[in-house]
Amino acid sequence: MSAGTGPIGRALPPQHYTVEREKIREYALAVGETNPLHLEPDAAHAAGYDDLVAPPMFAAVYAGPAFAEAMFDPEIGIDFAMLVHGAQEFDWGPLVIAGDQITTEILLAAINERAGLKFYVFNSSSRNQRDEEVCRGIWTVIVRPRE
């Protein structure tokens, strides 16, 4: 393996995130979400939930710290200054509710090179306090060569 490619298959330390009601509300408002399940505790309770329900893409909030750690891990060797977003794919499980404790693990799944660009692919798994997988993700970043 050449220098800077990092160890494929490397799992990074798990990151923990406590989902807070106000974080859900702030996120929902920031992205223009109008569903009262994300904004109004009374509406969430009336629908049978213990508290506010996180919008699906709130996954970027609770999984983001684990992904960020991977981006700056010196063993993986990403040149962050040359990084561009590639793609994100998510599969969701049970809904995330305010008060949930989410643990996210990230694994470096692949590094591919095409036309001088390096494609780093990470797999994530986020689980709640009941050990239910609430979200599985594939995160792809592209690193351009320095010229």
Protein backbone atom coordinates (compact mmCIF):
# COMPACT_ATOMS: atom_id res chain seq x y z
CA MET A 1 0.00 0.00 0.00
CA SER A 2 1.44 3.38 -0.93
CA ALA A 3 1.92 6.18 1.59
CA GLY A 4 -1.17 8.21 2.37
CA THR A 5 -3.70 5.57 1.32
CA GLY A 6 -4.51 4.48 4.86
CA PRO A 7 -5.47 1.03 5.98
CA ILE A 8 -8.56 -0.28 4.25
CA GLY A 9 -10.80 -2.04 6.75
CA ARG A 10 -9.69 0.19 9.62
CA ALA A 11 -12.45 0.87 12.14
CA LEU A 12 -12.27 4.17 13.95
CA PRO A 13 -13.22 4.55 17.61
CA PRO A 14 -17.00 4.79 18.12
CA GLN A 15 -18.48 8.23 18.74
CA HIS A 16 -21.42 8.82 21.08
CA TYR A 17 -24.13 11.43 20.64
CA THR A 18 -27.09 12.28 22.87
CA VAL A 19 -30.03 13.47 20.78
CA GLU A 20 -31.51 16.58 22.35
CA ARG A 21 -34.95 18.04 21.71
CA GLU A 22 -33.64 21.52 20.90
CA LYS A 23 -31.04 20.13 18.46
CA ILE A 24 -33.84 18.35 16.56
CA ARG A 25 -35.93 21.53 16.51
CA GLU A 26 -32.95 23.69 15.42
CA TYR A 27 -32.06 21.26 12.65
CA ALA A 28 -35.67 21.05 11.44
CA LEU A 29 -35.98 24.83 11.32
CA ALA A 30 -32.61 25.19 9.56
CA VAL A 31 -33.61 22.84 6.74
CA GLY A 32 -37.15 24.18 6.41
CA GLU A 33 -38.85 21.10 7.86
CA THR A 34 -42.48 21.84 8.79
CA ASN A 35 -43.67 18.47 10.09
CA PRO A 36 -44.88 19.10 13.66
CA LEU A 37 -43.38 15.76 14.80
CA HIS A 38 -39.99 17.49 14.48
CA LEU A 39 -41.03 20.76 16.09
CA GLU A 40 -43.82 20.30 18.64
CA PRO A 41 -43.56 17.86 21.56
CA ASP A 42 -47.36 17.77 21.91
CA ALA A 43 -47.71 16.65 18.29
CA ALA A 44 -45.05 13.96 18.79
CA HIS A 45 -46.76 12.73 21.97
CA ALA A 46 -50.16 12.69 20.23
CA ALA A 47 -48.62 10.51 17.50
CA GLY A 48 -47.33 8.04 20.12
CA TYR A 49 -43.71 9.15 20.41
CA ASP A 50 -41.94 9.92 23.69
CA ASP A 51 -40.52 13.17 22.33
CA LEU A 52 -39.62 14.99 19.11
CA VAL A 53 -38.78 12.79 16.14
CA ALA A 54 -35.54 13.60 14.30
CA PRO A 55 -35.84 14.17 10.53
CA PRO A 56 -34.04 11.43 8.59
CA MET A 57 -31.08 13.59 7.53
CA PHE A 58 -30.43 14.43 11.19
CA ALA A 59 -28.13 11.43 10.67
CA ALA A 60 -25.54 13.97 9.51
CA VAL A 61 -25.65 15.49 13.01
CA TYR A 62 -25.23 12.33 15.09
CA ALA A 63 -22.92 10.52 12.64
CA GLY A 64 -20.99 13.64 11.64
CA PRO A 65 -18.50 13.63 14.54
CA ALA A 66 -17.41 10.06 13.73
CA PHE A 67 -17.05 10.92 10.05
CA ALA A 68 -15.07 14.08 10.89
CA GLU A 69 -12.66 12.05 12.99
CA ALA A 70 -12.02 9.81 9.98
CA MET A 71 -11.35 12.83 7.76
CA PHE A 72 -8.55 14.03 10.04
CA ASP A 73 -7.10 10.66 11.04
CA PRO A 74 -3.38 10.83 10.15
CA GLU A 75 -3.23 7.08 9.51
CA ILE A 76 -5.86 7.40 6.78
CA GLY A 77 -3.94 10.33 5.33
CA ILE A 78 -6.60 12.44 3.62
CA ASP A 79 -5.35 15.81 2.35
CA PHE A 80 -8.32 17.77 3.68
CA ALA A 81 -7.39 20.93 1.78
CA MET A 82 -7.91 19.04 -1.49
CA LEU A 83 -11.11 17.21 -0.46
CA VAL A 84 -14.46 17.58 -2.18
CA HIS A 85 -17.76 15.93 -1.27
CA GLY A 86 -18.51 12.87 -3.36
CA ALA A 87 -21.71 11.21 -2.20
CA GLN A 88 -23.72 10.07 0.77
CA GLU A 89 -26.16 7.18 0.92
CA PHE A 90 -28.26 6.26 3.94
CA ASP A 91 -30.54 3.41 4.95
CA TRP A 92 -32.67 4.16 8.00
CA GLY A 93 -34.02 1.85 10.65
CA PRO A 94 -36.15 2.83 13.65
CA LEU A 95 -36.86 6.52 14.12
CA VAL A 96 -34.48 8.60 16.23
CA ILE A 97 -36.25 10.32 19.13
CA ALA A 98 -35.04 13.09 21.44
CA GLY A 99 -33.31 11.41 24.37
CA ASP A 100 -31.81 8.59 22.29
CA GLN A 101 -28.15 7.75 22.82
CA ILE A 102 -26.59 7.09 19.42
CA THR A 103 -23.25 5.37 18.90
CA THR A 104 -21.72 5.63 15.44
CA GLU A 105 -18.87 3.51 14.14
CA ILE A 106 -17.00 4.31 10.93
CA LEU A 107 -14.97 1.90 8.81
CA LEU A 108 -12.68 2.82 5.92
CA ALA A 109 -14.16 0.51 3.27
CA ALA A 110 -12.19 1.37 0.13
CA ILE A 111 -9.74 3.70 -1.54
CA ASN A 112 -9.89 3.88 -5.31
CA GLU A 113 -7.93 6.04 -7.73
CA ARG A 114 -9.24 7.26 -11.09
CA ALA A 115 -7.79 9.97 -13.31
CA GLY A 116 -5.49 11.10 -10.51
CA LEU A 117 -8.37 11.47 -8.03
CA LYS A 118 -8.57 9.39 -4.86
CA PHE A 119 -12.01 8.18 -3.78
CA TYR A 120 -12.29 7.31 -0.08
CA VAL A 121 -15.35 5.27 0.87
CA PHE A 122 -16.44 4.97 4.49
CA ASN A 123 -19.23 2.83 5.92
CA SER A 124 -21.03 3.94 9.05
CA SER A 125 -23.39 2.23 11.44
CA SER A 126 -25.34 4.20 14.02
CA ARG A 127 -27.11 2.33 16.82
CA ASN A 128 -29.36 3.54 19.61
CA GLN A 129 -29.28 2.57 23.28
CA ARG A 130 -31.43 -0.49 22.48
CA ASP A 131 -28.74 -1.66 20.00
CA GLU A 132 -31.07 -1.03 17.04
CA GLU A 133 -29.34 0.16 13.89
CA VAL A 134 -31.04 3.52 13.25
CA CYS A 135 -28.91 4.41 10.24
CA ARG A 136 -26.36 2.82 7.95
CA GLY A 137 -24.38 5.11 5.70
CA ILE A 138 -21.90 5.14 2.86
CA TRP A 139 -19.84 8.33 2.71
CA THR A 140 -17.61 9.03 -0.29
CA VAL A 141 -15.10 11.84 -0.48
CA ILE A 142 -12.81 12.72 -3.36
CA VAL A 143 -9.31 14.06 -2.89
CA ARG A 144 -7.80 16.01 -5.79
CA PRO A 145 -4.06 15.91 -6.42
CA ARG A 146 -1.96 18.91 -5.50
CA GLU A 147 -0.61 20.60 -8.59
